[in-house]
Amino acid sequence: MTTTLRGRTERCSRLRGEAARRPVVSRGQWLTYAALLAGLCLTLMPFAWMVLGSFKSQGEILRDPNGWLPHSPTLGNYRFWFSGLHIGSYFENSILVALVTVAGNLVFCSMVGYALAKLEFPGKRLLFVVVMTTLMVPGTVTFVPLFVLVGRLHMIDTYPGLILPYLASPLGVFLMRQFIRSVPDSLIEAARIDGAGELRIFAKVVLPLCGPPLATLGILTFLSSWNNFLWPLVVAQSQDKYTLPVALSLYSTGEQATNYGLLLAGSVMVITPIVLVFVLLQRWFVQGIATTGIK
């Protein structure tokens, strides 16, 4: 009996101690959480309406444009995209252009960032100034000269014409340089003493440490390439080279301009890969932003 009472007393004391150590959420914190939750709901509302609207028929959307839940859910909009509009080829073009662009940026931007961060050569500071200056130049300024250059190289309406101008970016170079600067010089010097060349040091020592910035650069590049509209619209002059945003814009005019269910379904298919990429790599993305001096 005494042992049982002592055990219960010890258990109660332990529970009281755990409750005392538990953090107390103040009223101000609750208000902050409520404000953040309200902001999240306001941000997600248009996307939720778009997804739900993509499962509605044209008649239902016209009858109740402000409604949320579809009364008779249908996959007709998605079926029409794949069967009638052959969206598969546009999707493949977007995937090809985006993946090659991401791979090029990961390789070339990290190589230039390594050179600017760890190598000594004449004109290094001037080159970095040029990179930063290029970062501040709007893309519309270089659009026409870039198009003329691609035209003279006979790459109009080709995959290289869609990809090559975006294989490296000044933002990617800056991002990688800022992170590689934090890599200890002792690691690089030890590799040089062992007889490793610069390319091997970059591939075997530096690059394996660059997981967070590479993930950040990959997400930003994929987002930019996937959503790129104006350049593919001008360079891709035949339907078999159209990317998904270009195809969606073309089918939003003419006889399909008022088919809102079809446009909503196309918009869902455009943003879904971006959301998936960010969800899968969000931990690396946050680490990359926090460790490269951009925060």
Protein backbone atom coordinates (compact mmCIF):
# COMPACT_ATOMS: atom_id res chain seq x y z
CA MET A 1 0.00 0.00 0.00
CA THR A 2 2.74 2.39 1.04
CA THR A 3 4.72 1.50 -2.10
CA THR A 4 1.67 2.15 -4.27
CA LEU A 5 1.07 5.57 -2.68
CA ARG A 6 4.75 6.45 -3.04
CA GLY A 7 4.67 5.47 -6.75
CA ARG A 8 1.58 7.60 -7.37
CA THR A 9 3.17 10.54 -5.55
CA GLU A 10 6.33 10.26 -7.62
CA ARG A 11 4.30 10.01 -10.83
CA CYS A 12 2.29 13.13 -9.93
CA SER A 13 5.47 15.01 -9.09
CA ARG A 14 7.01 14.00 -12.41
CA LEU A 15 3.91 15.13 -14.32
CA ARG A 16 3.87 18.46 -12.48
CA GLY A 17 7.55 18.94 -13.33
CA GLU A 18 6.94 18.20 -17.01
CA ALA A 19 4.01 20.63 -17.03
CA ALA A 20 6.17 23.31 -15.41
CA ARG A 21 8.91 22.83 -18.02
CA ARG A 22 6.41 23.02 -20.86
CA PRO A 23 6.65 26.40 -22.66
CA VAL A 24 3.78 28.75 -21.99
CA VAL A 25 2.27 30.39 -25.05
CA SER A 26 1.48 34.01 -24.33
CA ARG A 27 -1.51 35.94 -25.62
CA GLY A 28 0.70 37.87 -28.03
CA GLN A 29 1.99 34.63 -29.54
CA TRP A 30 -1.56 33.36 -30.01
CA LEU A 31 -2.45 36.60 -31.81
CA THR A 32 0.63 36.21 -34.02
CA TYR A 33 -0.33 32.62 -34.90
CA ALA A 34 -3.90 33.72 -35.65
CA ALA A 35 -2.67 36.53 -37.94
CA LEU A 36 -0.31 34.15 -39.77
CA LEU A 37 -3.08 31.58 -40.17
CA ALA A 38 -5.41 34.24 -41.57
CA GLY A 39 -2.71 35.37 -44.01
CA LEU A 40 -2.13 31.76 -45.07
CA CYS A 41 -5.83 31.23 -45.72
CA LEU A 42 -6.06 34.42 -47.78
CA THR A 43 -3.02 33.34 -49.81
CA LEU A 44 -4.33 29.84 -50.49
CA MET A 45 -7.92 30.84 -51.29
CA PRO A 46 -7.32 31.71 -55.00
CA PHE A 47 -5.37 28.48 -55.53
CA ALA A 48 -8.07 26.41 -53.82
CA TRP A 49 -10.74 28.07 -55.97
CA MET A 50 -8.67 27.37 -59.09
CA VAL A 51 -8.23 23.68 -58.26
CA LEU A 52 -11.89 23.19 -57.39
CA GLY A 53 -13.00 25.14 -60.47
CA SER A 54 -10.94 22.90 -62.74
CA PHE A 55 -13.32 20.04 -61.86
CA LYS A 56 -16.42 22.03 -62.88
CA SER A 57 -18.13 22.04 -66.23
CA GLN A 58 -18.47 25.23 -68.23
CA GLY A 59 -22.19 25.43 -67.50
CA GLU A 60 -21.73 25.11 -63.75
CA ILE A 61 -19.08 27.84 -63.70
CA LEU A 62 -21.36 30.21 -65.62
CA ARG A 63 -24.35 29.43 -63.38
CA ASP A 64 -22.47 29.95 -60.11
CA PRO A 65 -19.10 31.66 -60.71
CA ASN A 66 -18.61 32.38 -57.00
CA GLY A 67 -19.29 28.82 -55.86
CA TRP A 68 -16.56 26.70 -54.33
CA LEU A 69 -17.41 23.02 -54.30
CA PRO A 70 -18.33 21.47 -57.68
CA HIS A 71 -21.84 19.98 -57.67
CA SER A 72 -20.98 17.44 -60.38
CA PRO A 73 -17.20 16.96 -60.41
CA THR A 74 -15.78 16.04 -63.81
CA LEU A 75 -12.39 15.31 -65.34
CA GLY A 76 -13.56 16.52 -68.74
CA ASN A 77 -11.32 19.60 -68.70
CA TYR A 78 -8.20 17.52 -68.08
CA ARG A 79 -9.22 14.90 -70.64
CA PHE A 80 -9.68 17.61 -73.26
CA TRP A 81 -6.20 18.97 -72.56
CA PHE A 82 -4.59 15.56 -73.07
CA SER A 83 -6.76 14.24 -75.89
CA GLY A 84 -7.95 17.27 -77.82
CA LEU A 85 -5.10 19.74 -77.28
CA HIS A 86 -2.22 17.22 -76.98
CA ILE A 87 -0.72 18.91 -73.96
CA GLY A 88 1.70 16.01 -73.48
CA SER A 89 4.11 17.36 -76.11
CA TYR A 90 4.06 20.85 -74.55
CA PHE A 91 4.64 19.31 -71.15
CA GLU A 92 7.64 17.38 -72.47
CA ASN A 93 9.09 20.55 -74.00
CA SER A 94 8.76 22.41 -70.70
CA ILE A 95 10.36 19.54 -68.77
CA LEU A 96 13.26 19.29 -71.23
CA VAL A 97 13.97 23.02 -71.26
CA ALA A 98 13.63 23.37 -67.48
CA LEU A 99 15.81 20.35 -66.58
CA VAL A 100 18.62 21.22 -69.00
CA THR A 101 18.54 24.86 -67.83
CA VAL A 102 18.71 23.78 -64.19
CA ALA A 103 21.59 21.38 -64.87
CA GLY A 104 23.52 24.07 -66.75
CA ASN A 105 23.06 26.61 -63.97
CA LEU A 106 24.11 24.15 -61.28
CA VAL A 107 27.33 23.31 -63.14
CA PHE A 108 28.39 26.63 -64.63
CA CYS A 109 27.28 28.94 -61.80
CA SER A 110 29.00 26.78 -59.19
CA MET A 111 32.20 26.68 -61.26
CA VAL A 112 32.27 30.47 -61.71
CA GLY A 113 31.35 30.94 -58.05
CA TYR A 114 34.25 28.71 -57.00
CA ALA A 115 36.68 30.66 -59.17
CA LEU A 116 35.51 34.01 -57.76
CA ALA A 117 35.56 32.74 -54.17
CA LYS A 118 38.74 30.67 -53.92
CA LEU A 119 41.03 31.33 -56.90
CA GLU A 120 43.37 34.26 -57.42
CA PHE A 121 43.77 35.62 -60.95
CA PRO A 122 44.13 39.03 -62.62
CA GLY A 123 40.84 40.86 -63.04
CA LYS A 124 39.01 38.83 -60.41
CA ARG A 125 37.41 41.84 -58.71
CA LEU A 126 36.54 43.42 -62.04
CA LEU A 127 34.84 40.20 -63.14
CA PHE A 128 32.79 40.13 -59.95
CA VAL A 129 31.77 43.76 -60.51
CA VAL A 130 30.67 42.83 -64.04
CA VAL A 131 28.59 39.95 -62.65
CA MET A 132 26.91 42.21 -60.10
CA THR A 133 26.29 44.89 -62.74
CA THR A 134 24.68 42.29 -64.99
CA LEU A 135 22.47 41.27 -62.08
CA MET A 136 21.07 44.80 -61.95
CA VAL A 137 20.31 45.02 -65.70
CA PRO A 138 16.63 44.28 -66.52
CA GLY A 139 16.03 41.37 -68.85
CA THR A 140 14.01 43.53 -71.23
CA VAL A 141 17.15 45.55 -72.04
CA THR A 142 19.02 42.50 -73.34
CA PHE A 143 16.02 40.77 -74.92
CA VAL A 144 16.32 42.20 -78.44
CA PRO A 145 20.14 41.87 -78.72
CA LEU A 146 19.87 38.30 -77.43
CA PHE A 147 17.20 37.47 -79.99
CA VAL A 148 19.35 38.96 -82.80
CA LEU A 149 22.33 36.89 -81.63
CA VAL A 150 20.27 33.68 -81.52
CA GLY A 151 18.91 34.46 -84.98
CA ARG A 152 22.38 34.95 -86.46
CA LEU A 153 23.42 31.61 -84.98
CA HIS A 154 20.42 30.02 -86.77
CA MET A 155 18.91 28.74 -83.52
CA ILE A 156 15.42 30.19 -83.93
CA ASP A 157 12.72 27.53 -83.38
CA THR A 158 15.23 25.07 -81.89
CA TYR A 159 15.77 23.65 -78.43
CA PRO A 160 19.30 25.17 -78.15
CA GLY A 161 17.75 28.56 -78.88
CA LEU A 162 15.36 28.06 -75.95
CA ILE A 163 18.02 26.79 -73.55
CA LEU A 164 21.46 28.28 -74.23
CA PRO A 165 20.72 31.92 -73.26
CA TYR A 166 19.72 30.78 -69.76
CA LEU A 167 22.40 28.17 -68.97
CA ALA A 168 24.00 30.55 -66.46
CA SER A 169 22.72 33.49 -64.46
CA PRO A 170 24.39 36.26 -62.44
CA LEU A 171 22.14 35.51 -59.47
CA GLY A 172 23.32 31.89 -59.49
CA VAL A 173 26.97 32.98 -59.65
CA PHE A 174 26.48 35.35 -56.73
CA LEU A 175 24.61 32.74 -54.70
CA MET A 176 27.30 30.10 -55.17
CA ARG A 177 30.17 32.53 -54.56
CA GLN A 178 28.68 33.65 -51.25
CA PHE A 179 28.38 30.10 -50.00
CA ILE A 180 31.72 28.80 -51.29
CA ARG A 181 33.48 31.67 -49.53
CA SER A 182 32.45 30.03 -46.23
CA VAL A 183 34.17 26.74 -47.15
CA PRO A 184 37.41 26.51 -45.06
CA ASP A 185 40.56 27.23 -47.05
CA SER A 186 42.34 24.48 -45.09
CA LEU A 187 40.28 21.83 -46.90
CA ILE A 188 41.30 23.18 -50.29
CA GLU A 189 44.94 23.58 -49.29
CA ALA A 190 45.04 20.02 -47.98
CA ALA A 191 43.68 18.75 -51.30
CA ARG A 192 46.30 20.77 -53.19
CA ILE A 193 49.09 19.36 -51.03
CA ASP A 194 47.82 15.87 -51.88
CA GLY A 195 48.26 16.72 -55.55
CA ALA A 196 44.64 17.32 -56.55
CA GLY A 197 43.99 19.75 -59.39
CA GLU A 198 41.47 22.57 -59.22
CA LEU A 199 38.83 20.65 -61.13
CA ARG A 200 39.14 17.67 -58.81
CA ILE A 201 39.08 19.93 -55.74
CA PHE A 202 35.92 21.54 -57.05
CA ALA A 203 34.22 18.22 -57.82
CA LYS A 204 35.38 16.17 -54.80
CA VAL A 205 35.79 18.74 -52.01
CA VAL A 206 33.74 21.86 -52.66
CA LEU A 207 30.71 20.61 -54.56
CA PRO A 208 29.66 17.95 -51.99
CA LEU A 209 29.46 20.73 -49.37
CA CYS A 210 27.17 22.89 -51.51
CA GLY A 211 23.92 20.96 -51.09
CA PRO A 212 21.76 23.82 -49.69
CA PRO A 213 22.79 26.52 -52.21
CA LEU A 214 22.56 24.07 -55.10
CA ALA A 215 19.02 23.16 -54.05
CA THR A 216 18.15 26.85 -53.72
CA LEU A 217 19.61 27.63 -57.13
CA GLY A 218 17.85 24.63 -58.65
CA ILE A 219 14.44 25.69 -57.30
CA LEU A 220 14.85 29.32 -58.41
CA THR A 221 16.10 28.30 -61.86
CA PHE A 222 13.35 25.72 -62.34
CA LEU A 223 10.73 28.27 -61.30
CA SER A 224 12.11 30.88 -63.70
CA SER A 225 12.50 28.47 -66.62
CA TRP A 226 9.13 26.76 -66.14
CA ASN A 227 7.27 30.08 -65.99
CA ASN A 228 9.27 31.74 -68.77
CA PHE A 229 6.77 32.95 -71.34
CA LEU A 230 8.09 35.77 -73.52
CA TRP A 231 11.30 34.11 -74.72
CA PRO A 232 9.69 30.78 -75.76
CA LEU A 233 6.83 32.72 -77.37
CA VAL A 234 9.27 34.59 -79.62
CA VAL A 235 11.87 31.85 -80.28
CA ALA A 236 9.55 28.83 -80.62
CA GLN A 237 7.76 29.52 -83.90
CA SER A 238 6.19 26.10 -84.44
CA GLN A 239 3.77 24.21 -82.20
CA ASP A 240 6.10 21.26 -81.67
CA LYS A 241 8.49 23.61 -79.79
CA TYR A 242 5.89 25.36 -77.63
CA THR A 243 6.29 25.14 -73.86
CA LEU A 244 3.35 24.78 -71.49
CA PRO A 245 2.87 28.50 -70.61
CA VAL A 246 2.92 29.42 -74.32
CA ALA A 247 0.37 26.73 -75.16
CA LEU A 248 -1.86 27.83 -72.29
CA SER A 249 -1.76 31.46 -73.46
CA LEU A 250 -2.59 30.50 -77.04
CA TYR A 251 -5.58 28.43 -75.98
CA SER A 252 -6.82 31.28 -73.75
CA THR A 253 -7.71 33.28 -76.88
CA GLY A 254 -10.12 32.63 -79.70
CA GLU A 255 -12.88 30.05 -79.28
CA GLN A 256 -11.46 28.75 -75.99
CA ALA A 257 -11.19 32.22 -74.39
CA THR A 258 -14.42 31.79 -72.40
CA ASN A 259 -13.90 28.14 -71.46
CA TYR A 260 -12.95 28.92 -67.89
CA GLY A 261 -12.89 25.33 -66.68
CA LEU A 262 -10.37 24.45 -69.39
CA LEU A 263 -8.17 27.44 -68.49
CA LEU A 264 -8.32 26.60 -64.78
CA ALA A 265 -7.30 23.01 -65.48
CA GLY A 266 -4.37 24.23 -67.59
CA SER A 267 -3.30 26.61 -64.82
CA VAL A 268 -3.36 23.76 -62.30
CA MET A 269 -1.11 21.66 -64.54
CA VAL A 270 1.31 24.58 -64.93
CA ILE A 271 1.78 25.23 -61.22
CA THR A 272 1.69 21.62 -59.95
CA PRO A 273 5.33 20.75 -60.88
CA ILE A 274 6.55 23.95 -59.22
CA VAL A 275 4.69 23.16 -56.00
CA LEU A 276 6.03 19.59 -55.97
CA VAL A 277 9.62 20.72 -56.51
CA PHE A 278 9.39 23.26 -53.71
CA VAL A 279 7.74 20.83 -51.28
CA LEU A 280 10.41 18.18 -51.92
CA LEU A 281 13.33 20.61 -51.59
CA GLN A 282 11.99 23.20 -49.16
CA ARG A 283 14.34 22.19 -46.33
CA TRP A 284 17.38 22.65 -48.57
CA PHE A 285 15.91 25.88 -49.93
CA VAL A 286 15.59 27.42 -46.47
CA GLN A 287 19.10 26.31 -45.51
CA GLY A 288 20.51 27.75 -48.72
CA ILE A 289 18.90 31.14 -48.14
CA ALA A 290 20.06 31.19 -44.52
CA THR A 291 23.69 30.29 -45.25
CA THR A 292 24.54 32.39 -48.30
CA GLY A 293 24.26 35.92 -46.95
CA ILE A 294 20.97 36.70 -48.74
CA LYS A 295 18.75 36.60 -45.64
